Every structure is written in C-alpha cells, then in structure tokens.
Protein backbone atom coordinates (compact mmCIF):
# COMPACT_ATOMS: atom_id res chain seq x y z
CA MET A 1 -19.51 -17.06 -42.84
CA SER A 2 -16.55 -18.24 -40.83
CA ARG A 3 -15.56 -18.68 -37.21
CA LYS A 4 -12.06 -18.24 -35.90
CA LYS A 5 -10.33 -17.50 -32.63
CA VAL A 6 -9.18 -13.86 -32.62
CA PHE A 7 -7.84 -13.58 -29.08
CA GLU A 8 -6.54 -15.81 -26.33
CA ALA A 9 -4.75 -15.00 -23.09
CA GLN A 10 -3.69 -16.47 -19.79
CA ILE A 11 -2.86 -15.15 -16.34
CA GLU A 12 0.31 -16.28 -14.58
CA TYR A 13 0.61 -16.81 -10.84
CA LEU A 14 3.86 -16.03 -9.06
CA GLN A 15 5.02 -17.43 -5.72
CA ILE A 16 8.64 -17.67 -4.60
CA LEU A 17 8.24 -18.39 -0.88
CA ASP A 18 5.62 -20.91 0.10
CA GLU A 19 3.66 -20.76 3.35
CA LYS A 20 6.42 -22.61 5.22
CA GLY A 21 9.17 -20.32 4.01
CA ASN A 22 10.57 -22.73 1.44
CA VAL A 23 12.00 -20.97 -1.60
CA ASP A 24 11.95 -21.78 -5.29
CA ALA A 25 15.67 -21.31 -5.95
CA SER A 26 15.11 -20.70 -9.66
CA LEU A 27 12.95 -17.66 -8.86
CA ASP A 28 14.77 -16.31 -5.81
CA PRO A 29 16.04 -12.77 -6.61
CA LYS A 30 18.93 -13.42 -4.18
CA LEU A 31 18.85 -9.97 -2.64
CA ASP A 32 21.70 -8.87 -0.41
CA GLU A 33 21.48 -9.23 3.37
CA LEU A 34 21.01 -5.49 3.97
CA THR A 35 17.99 -5.30 1.63
CA LEU A 36 16.42 -8.46 3.04
CA LYS A 37 16.77 -7.23 6.59
CA LYS A 38 15.33 -3.84 5.69
CA MET A 39 12.31 -5.62 4.23
CA TYR A 40 11.83 -7.68 7.38
CA GLU A 41 12.37 -4.80 9.76
CA THR A 42 9.93 -2.56 7.88
CA MET A 43 7.23 -5.23 8.11
CA VAL A 44 7.90 -5.67 11.84
CA ARG A 45 7.74 -1.90 12.37
CA SER A 46 4.40 -1.73 10.56
CA ARG A 47 2.96 -4.55 12.68
CA ALA A 48 4.16 -2.84 15.88
CA MET A 49 2.60 0.44 14.78
CA ASP A 50 -0.67 -1.37 14.03
CA LYS A 51 -0.95 -2.79 17.53
CA LYS A 52 -0.19 0.56 19.15
CA ALA A 53 -2.59 2.52 16.95
CA ILE A 54 -5.47 0.15 17.70
CA SER A 55 -4.73 0.53 21.41
CA LEU A 56 -4.64 4.32 21.09
CA GLN A 57 -7.96 4.35 19.29
CA ARG A 58 -9.57 2.26 22.02
CA GLN A 59 -8.26 4.80 24.55
CA GLY A 60 -9.64 7.75 22.58
CA ARG A 61 -6.14 8.99 21.73
CA CYS A 62 -6.54 8.70 17.95
CA TYR A 63 -9.44 8.51 15.53
CA THR A 64 -10.71 5.59 13.45
CA TYR A 65 -7.69 3.55 12.39
CA VAL A 66 -7.22 1.26 9.38
CA PRO A 67 -5.04 -1.79 10.25
CA THR A 68 -2.44 -3.17 7.83
CA GLU A 69 -1.86 -6.54 9.54
CA GLY A 70 -1.50 -9.37 7.03
CA GLN A 71 -0.76 -7.11 4.06
CA GLU A 72 2.76 -5.99 4.95
CA ALA A 73 4.53 -8.09 2.30
CA ALA A 74 2.32 -6.83 -0.53
CA GLN A 75 3.28 -3.26 0.30
CA VAL A 76 6.90 -3.52 1.43
CA GLY A 77 7.99 -5.83 -1.37
CA SER A 78 6.47 -3.53 -3.98
CA VAL A 79 7.79 -0.24 -2.65
CA MET A 80 11.30 -1.63 -2.12
CA ALA A 81 11.38 -2.66 -5.76
CA SER A 82 10.87 0.96 -6.78
CA LYS A 83 13.27 3.86 -7.08
CA LYS A 84 13.21 6.81 -4.71
CA GLU A 85 11.86 9.12 -7.42
CA ASP A 86 8.95 6.79 -8.27
CA TRP A 87 5.60 7.90 -6.90
CA MET A 88 3.63 5.93 -4.31
CA VAL A 89 -0.09 6.64 -4.44
CA PRO A 90 -1.97 4.85 -1.63
CA ALA A 91 -5.54 4.18 -0.63
CA PHE A 92 -6.00 4.15 3.16
CA ARG A 93 -4.38 0.91 4.40
CA GLU A 94 -0.82 1.54 3.21
CA ASN A 95 1.02 2.20 6.48
CA ALA A 96 3.72 -0.35 5.59
CA ALA A 97 4.14 1.22 2.15
CA TYR A 98 4.65 4.63 3.72
CA LEU A 99 7.28 3.25 6.10
CA ALA A 100 9.06 1.55 3.19
CA LYS A 101 9.06 4.91 1.40
CA GLY A 102 10.85 6.49 4.34
CA VAL A 103 7.90 8.34 5.90
CA SER A 104 8.32 8.70 9.67
CA MET A 105 6.04 6.88 12.05
CA ARG A 106 5.42 10.23 13.76
CA THR A 107 3.90 11.56 10.54
CA LEU A 108 1.62 8.54 10.23
CA PHE A 109 0.43 8.85 13.83
CA LEU A 110 -0.25 12.55 13.24
CA TYR A 111 -2.55 11.61 10.37
CA TRP A 112 -4.50 9.08 12.43
CA MET A 113 -4.74 11.64 15.24
CA GLY A 114 -6.46 14.04 12.85
CA HIS A 115 -3.67 16.53 12.11
CA GLU A 116 -3.23 17.90 8.60
CA GLU A 117 0.51 17.74 9.24
CA GLY A 118 0.17 13.97 8.86
CA SER A 119 -0.51 14.44 5.15
CA ARG A 120 2.71 16.34 4.48
CA PHE A 121 5.82 14.50 3.38
CA GLU A 122 9.37 15.38 2.48
CA LYS A 123 9.60 16.53 -1.14
CA ASP A 124 11.93 13.69 -2.13
CA GLN A 125 9.65 10.99 -0.66
CA ASN A 126 7.21 11.25 -3.58
CA CYS A 127 4.17 10.07 -1.64
CA PHE A 128 0.57 11.12 -2.02
CA PRO A 129 -1.59 11.44 1.10
CA VAL A 130 -4.19 8.91 2.20
CA SER A 131 -7.18 8.66 -0.14
CA ILE A 132 -10.42 7.69 1.57
CA PRO A 133 -12.83 7.65 -1.46
CA VAL A 134 -12.57 4.15 -2.91
CA GLY A 135 -10.53 4.07 -6.13
CA SER A 136 -10.17 7.81 -6.70
CA GLN A 137 -6.39 7.73 -6.19
CA VAL A 138 -5.84 5.44 -9.20
CA GLY A 139 -6.41 8.28 -11.65
CA HIS A 140 -3.97 10.49 -9.77
CA ALA A 141 -1.27 7.84 -10.14
CA VAL A 142 -1.88 7.56 -13.87
CA GLY A 143 -1.67 11.35 -14.18
CA LEU A 144 1.65 11.45 -12.34
CA ALA A 145 3.10 8.68 -14.48
CA TRP A 146 1.82 10.29 -17.68
CA ALA A 147 3.46 13.59 -16.71
CA ALA A 148 6.75 11.76 -16.13
CA LYS A 149 6.49 10.14 -19.56
CA ILE A 150 5.76 13.47 -21.27
CA GLN A 151 8.78 14.99 -19.54
CA GLY A 152 10.97 12.10 -20.67
CA LYS A 153 11.76 10.98 -17.12
CA ARG A 154 12.67 7.40 -16.23
CA GLN A 155 10.04 7.44 -13.53
CA ALA A 156 6.87 5.51 -12.71
CA ALA A 157 3.97 5.49 -10.26
CA ILE A 158 2.76 2.66 -8.05
CA THR A 159 -0.82 2.82 -6.84
CA PHE A 160 -2.44 0.56 -4.26
CA PHE A 161 -6.15 -0.25 -4.09
CA GLY A 162 -8.37 -3.04 -2.83
CA ASP A 163 -10.55 -5.61 -4.57
CA GLY A 164 -13.55 -3.36 -3.95
CA ALA A 165 -11.96 -0.56 -5.97
CA SER A 166 -11.75 -2.87 -9.00
CA SER A 167 -15.52 -2.36 -9.31
CA GLU A 168 -15.23 1.41 -9.41
CA GLY A 169 -15.29 3.42 -12.62
CA ASP A 170 -12.14 5.26 -11.54
CA PHE A 171 -10.14 2.05 -11.88
CA HIS A 172 -11.51 1.12 -15.30
CA GLU A 173 -11.17 4.61 -16.77
CA SER A 174 -7.62 4.88 -15.45
CA ALA A 175 -6.62 1.44 -16.69
CA ASN A 176 -8.04 2.14 -20.14
CA PHE A 177 -6.24 5.49 -20.36
CA ALA A 178 -2.96 3.97 -19.13
CA GLY A 179 -3.22 1.18 -21.68
CA VAL A 180 -3.96 3.46 -24.61
CA PHE A 181 -1.08 5.84 -23.84
CA GLN A 182 1.33 3.19 -22.54
CA ILE A 183 1.73 4.99 -19.23
CA PRO A 184 4.35 3.72 -16.73
CA CYS A 185 1.93 2.98 -13.90
CA VAL A 186 1.88 -0.17 -11.76
CA PHE A 187 -1.61 -0.97 -10.52
CA ILE A 188 -1.43 -3.09 -7.35
CA CYS A 189 -4.75 -4.57 -6.28
CA GLN A 190 -4.41 -5.91 -2.76
CA ASN A 191 -7.08 -8.58 -2.98
CA ASN A 192 -7.60 -9.10 0.75
CA GLN A 193 -10.84 -11.02 0.10
CA TYR A 194 -13.22 -8.41 1.52
CA ALA A 195 -14.35 -4.87 0.68
CA ILE A 196 -15.48 -4.13 4.23
CA SER A 197 -18.12 -6.89 4.50
CA THR A 198 -18.53 -7.65 0.80
CA PRO A 199 -16.63 -10.85 -0.09
CA ARG A 200 -14.54 -11.09 -3.22
CA ALA A 201 -17.07 -13.54 -4.72
CA ARG A 202 -19.64 -10.73 -4.81
CA GLN A 203 -17.18 -8.29 -6.36
CA THR A 204 -16.73 -9.86 -9.80
CA ARG A 205 -17.48 -12.98 -11.80
CA SER A 206 -13.98 -12.89 -13.28
CA GLU A 207 -11.82 -15.82 -12.22
CA THR A 208 -9.07 -13.32 -11.38
CA ILE A 209 -8.89 -9.57 -10.96
CA ALA A 210 -5.57 -9.61 -12.82
CA GLN A 211 -7.31 -10.56 -16.06
CA LYS A 212 -9.10 -7.21 -16.14
CA ALA A 213 -5.85 -5.73 -17.48
CA ILE A 214 -6.24 -7.78 -20.66
CA ALA A 215 -9.32 -5.81 -21.69
CA TYR A 216 -7.24 -2.64 -21.57
CA GLY A 217 -4.33 -4.01 -23.56
CA PHE A 218 -1.65 -4.65 -20.98
CA GLU A 219 -0.29 -7.40 -18.74
CA GLY A 220 -1.96 -8.64 -15.59
CA ILE A 221 -0.36 -11.06 -13.15
CA GLN A 222 -1.56 -12.72 -9.96
CA VAL A 223 0.99 -12.87 -7.14
CA ASP A 224 1.07 -14.41 -3.67
CA GLY A 225 0.68 -11.15 -1.77
CA ASN A 226 2.01 -12.69 1.45
CA ASP A 227 5.31 -13.46 -0.29
CA VAL A 228 7.50 -10.36 -0.05
CA LEU A 229 10.02 -11.73 -2.57
CA ALA A 230 7.34 -12.46 -5.18
CA MET A 231 5.90 -8.98 -4.76
CA TYR A 232 9.39 -7.50 -5.14
CA VAL A 233 10.12 -9.48 -8.32
CA ALA A 234 6.73 -8.80 -9.94
CA THR A 235 6.86 -5.08 -9.20
CA LYS A 236 10.49 -4.78 -10.32
CA LYS A 237 9.60 -6.35 -13.67
CA ALA A 238 6.55 -4.11 -14.04
CA LEU A 239 8.56 -0.98 -13.29
CA GLU A 240 11.29 -1.89 -15.75
CA LYS A 241 8.63 -2.34 -18.43
CA GLY A 242 7.22 1.06 -17.55
CA TYR A 243 10.61 2.79 -17.66
CA ALA A 244 11.23 1.23 -21.08
CA GLY A 245 8.03 2.71 -22.49
CA LYS A 246 6.15 -0.61 -22.59
CA GLY A 247 3.21 0.57 -20.55
CA PRO A 248 1.40 -0.38 -17.35
CA THR A 249 0.97 -3.63 -15.40
CA LEU A 250 -1.76 -4.84 -13.09
CA ILE A 251 -0.60 -6.95 -10.14
CA GLU A 252 -3.27 -8.77 -8.18
CA ALA A 253 -1.76 -9.49 -4.77
CA ILE A 254 -3.61 -12.38 -3.12
CA THR A 255 -3.57 -11.57 0.58
CA TYR A 256 -5.90 -11.26 3.57
CA ARG A 257 -7.01 -8.58 5.97
CA ILE A 258 -6.40 -10.25 9.33
CA ALA A 259 -7.83 -7.46 11.46
CA ALA A 260 -11.05 -5.50 11.09
CA HIS A 261 -11.64 -3.24 8.09
CA THR A 262 -11.24 -0.33 10.52
CA THR A 263 -11.53 0.06 14.27
CA SER A 264 -15.22 0.86 13.64
CA ASP A 265 -15.84 -2.54 12.05
CA ASP A 266 -16.86 -5.89 13.57
CA PRO A 267 -15.68 -8.59 11.12
CA LYS A 268 -17.19 -11.40 13.22
CA ARG A 269 -20.55 -10.39 11.78
CA TYR A 270 -19.62 -11.40 8.24
CA ARG A 271 -16.71 -13.86 8.27
CA ASP A 272 -15.82 -17.10 10.04
CA GLU A 273 -13.02 -17.08 12.62
CA ALA A 274 -11.78 -20.39 11.19
CA GLU A 275 -11.11 -18.58 7.92
CA VAL A 276 -9.08 -15.94 9.74
CA GLU A 277 -7.04 -18.57 11.57
CA ALA A 278 -6.30 -20.36 8.30
CA TRP A 279 -4.87 -17.15 6.90
CA ARG A 280 -2.86 -16.47 10.07
CA LYS A 281 -0.85 -19.55 9.17
CA LYS A 282 0.13 -17.76 5.96
CA ASP A 283 1.49 -14.76 7.89
CA PRO A 284 3.93 -12.83 5.65
CA ILE A 285 6.28 -11.89 8.49
CA ALA A 286 6.61 -15.41 9.92
CA ARG A 287 7.13 -16.80 6.42
CA PHE A 288 9.92 -14.34 5.64
CA GLN A 289 11.51 -14.91 9.03
CA THR A 290 11.88 -18.60 8.15
CA TYR A 291 13.53 -17.68 4.87
CA LEU A 292 16.00 -15.36 6.61
CA LYS A 293 16.81 -18.02 9.19
CA LYS A 294 17.54 -20.62 6.50
CA ASN A 295 19.91 -18.14 4.86
CA GLY A 296 21.73 -17.37 8.10
CA PHE A 297 20.38 -13.81 8.40
CA TRP A 298 18.09 -14.35 11.41
CA ASN A 299 18.59 -15.53 14.98
CA GLU A 300 16.96 -14.93 18.37
CA ALA A 301 19.35 -12.11 19.26
CA TYR A 302 18.56 -10.31 16.00
CA GLU A 303 14.83 -10.78 16.54
CA LYS A 304 15.03 -9.33 20.04
CA GLU A 305 16.94 -6.34 18.70
CA VAL A 306 14.42 -5.75 15.90
CA GLN A 307 11.39 -6.01 18.20
CA GLU A 308 12.88 -3.74 20.86
CA LYS A 309 13.91 -1.16 18.30
CA ALA A 310 10.41 -1.17 16.76
CA ALA A 311 8.82 -0.80 20.19
CA ARG A 312 11.05 2.18 21.01
CA GLU A 313 10.27 3.80 17.67
CA VAL A 314 6.55 3.41 18.25
CA GLU A 315 6.64 4.96 21.71
CA GLU A 316 8.85 7.84 20.58
CA ALA A 317 6.60 8.50 17.57
CA VAL A 318 3.47 8.55 19.72
CA LYS A 319 5.10 10.91 22.20
CA LYS A 320 6.11 13.31 19.43
CA ALA A 321 2.71 13.10 17.73
CA GLU A 322 0.78 13.71 20.94
CA GLY A 323 3.06 16.63 21.74
CA PHE A 324 2.39 18.27 18.41
CA GLN A 325 0.71 21.68 18.58
CA ALA A 326 -1.53 22.18 15.58
CA ASN A 327 -1.90 25.56 13.93
CA PRO A 328 -5.63 26.16 13.20
CA GLU A 329 -4.64 28.11 10.08
CA ASP A 330 -3.48 24.87 8.50
CA MET A 331 -7.05 23.94 7.63
CA PHE A 332 -7.09 26.88 5.24
CA LYS A 333 -3.53 26.79 3.96
CA TYR A 334 -3.06 23.17 2.94
CA LEU A 335 -5.20 23.06 -0.22
CA TYR A 336 -3.99 25.89 -2.48
CA GLN A 337 -0.59 27.39 -3.09
CA ASP A 338 -2.14 30.84 -2.68
CA LEU A 339 -5.19 31.41 -0.50
CA THR A 340 -8.39 32.24 -2.33
CA PRO A 341 -10.18 35.45 -1.21
CA ASP A 342 -13.00 33.56 0.52
CA LEU A 343 -10.60 31.32 2.43
CA ARG A 344 -8.52 34.32 3.43
CA GLN A 345 -11.64 35.98 4.80
CA GLN A 346 -12.69 32.82 6.66
CA MET A 347 -9.24 32.47 8.18
CA GLN A 348 -9.34 36.07 9.36
CA GLU A 349 -12.74 35.51 10.94
CA MET A 350 -11.43 32.41 12.72
CA LYS A 351 -8.40 34.29 14.06
CA GLN A 352 -10.64 37.07 15.37
CA SER A 353 -12.89 34.49 17.03
CA LEU A 354 -9.97 32.73 18.71
CA GLU A 355 -8.63 36.08 19.94
CA GLY A 356 -12.02 36.82 21.50
C-alpha cells in the first residue's frame, strides 16, 4: 500500500485595470488608440441601447428585454480579441457582443420587438442567434469549432453563458467533448453572481467556476470581467491556443448584473441594494474611461461626441425597427432550407386566411 499525490492544479486570476483605472504596466497589451476607442465606444453604445430598450418595454413597444449593463467589458473585450471569421455563440444577454461583432442595432431591436428578422445576420458576421434555453448554445459552439478543426481552418468559436449554465449538463458534456478532441472553443462564463434569483453560492461548492475545466483536461482562468483589457488578453491567449491545436479554454469572467435579470424581474426581492451600489463603483465603462484619459485618448469633447453619436444611433435604429413590415411567411421559412410538406401546407392555409 502506498499513498502519493497524482494530480495538483491551480487557477490564476487576471486583472490589468483595477477599479480606479490604474494599470499594471507589465500586463498592459498596449493596444493602439483606434482599437481602444472602438472598445470604449462599443460599450457606450451598448449601454445607450440598454436604457432605450428598457424604456421601450415599459411603453409596450418591445417585448421582455434582457439588460447587459455591467457586463459590457466581458463581452466587448472578448469579441474584439477574436478574428472576423471566428464564431460568436451567445446566450441571451450578449447585446454588447453582437455590437462588437458588427451586428446593427436595428437588427437587435428587431429581435427584442419579436421579429424573426432580428435573428438574421450578415454571412460574414459569424453570429448565432439568441439562445433562450440555459446552456444549450454551448454544444453548438463546440460543434462549430470542431467542424473548423476537421476542415483544417484556423478558426475558433467563442460561447458566452452564465454561472447558472455551469450547472447544466449541456456545459459539462460540451466541455468534456471539447477537452477530449482538443477543440478550439473558448468557453466564457459571465459569472454575474446570480442565475435570476439564485446566488452563485447556491450554484456550486467549487471555489471557482474556472476550475471545472481541470476535470475535462484543459485550462481554466478567472478574470476580472469588468476589466476590458484583461478580457481581451485572456481571450486572445485562449484563441491562439485553439488555433494552434492546443484545445479549449474556460474563462470565468467575474462581473455583476447591475440591472434586473429581465424587464419581468424584480431583483429587490432577492438582493440588497447596497450590494448593487458596491458593484456600480466597479463599472467597466467608467474604469476604462479613466484609463483612456490617463493615456491622452479621452477628453470632455470626445465624450460628448461619443454620447451624442450613440444617442443618434439608438433613435435611428428604433425608427427603422418600428418601421419594419414583417412578412408572416417568415415564421415558416426561417427554420429549413427547403420547406417541409406540412409547413408548406400550413403556410398556404395562412395565406388563404389572410386573403379572406
């Protein structure tokens, strides 16, 4: 009989910008001014869209909306680290990720207004539509990345999910499969501390969510999800590993859902306002603004320009979305390349009904 240690591991934590916008110079990726400003402007655009969408929902002009406020850095930093041909596979809170991928705000508003057109993207944008079932999109991302590997493409997939999805079988099956076949997929868990009303403490006994990757044979890392530079660096490294055939990575982005889970939720019933205010002080946009200012890339005139441009974009997008005329046939045509006989018959019956 003998006893020996057969396995040992540790999880690293990455932060480049602290809560006051101070930077660790040794970790700073030193991105060019154009890239930094695009990051900032995309986060501002997402926040502006959030405020407008919530207002529209309250007015009955769009359906239940899922706010992104507080999680902009986790999404924008990650997507901007990717290549255009990489896939972005979201859950349902990834408005900022869509904007970073180049999806128009009009398209996003169309989705939240209930139009199937809001789930269609340009072919070169490589985005999947919103996935409402918790965790089901993770397997799709692994499938896309596996296909790219089989075809010999230097291409990867990034998939976003919440801490609640880390308890779903879809996540574990996908992670295991990706680990076994060394699939170039980046799993990004936006740990925003709550799965609707269920706190992270009730989600898992693991000290971190990142360590779950270890069981499946690949790297997991915990990152300050309100630090756009840290998210960029961590995702860039993970993607490069994937392109090189070294398999997947799990990134646990520590962030916070400032607003309600959806416009149908009342977070005051399950969390303390003092907790929310504490996280507001860690706001990813304000933090990055400080960094830009220290580097000479931000001033009041620039801020005014960015805010006004975002406001104009929002209003123009809403106008276009509300002016959209839906084709009822879309509900039949969007699922299959060729209509099945039963759907063709149903569509014909609908057309006859509409024609009286």
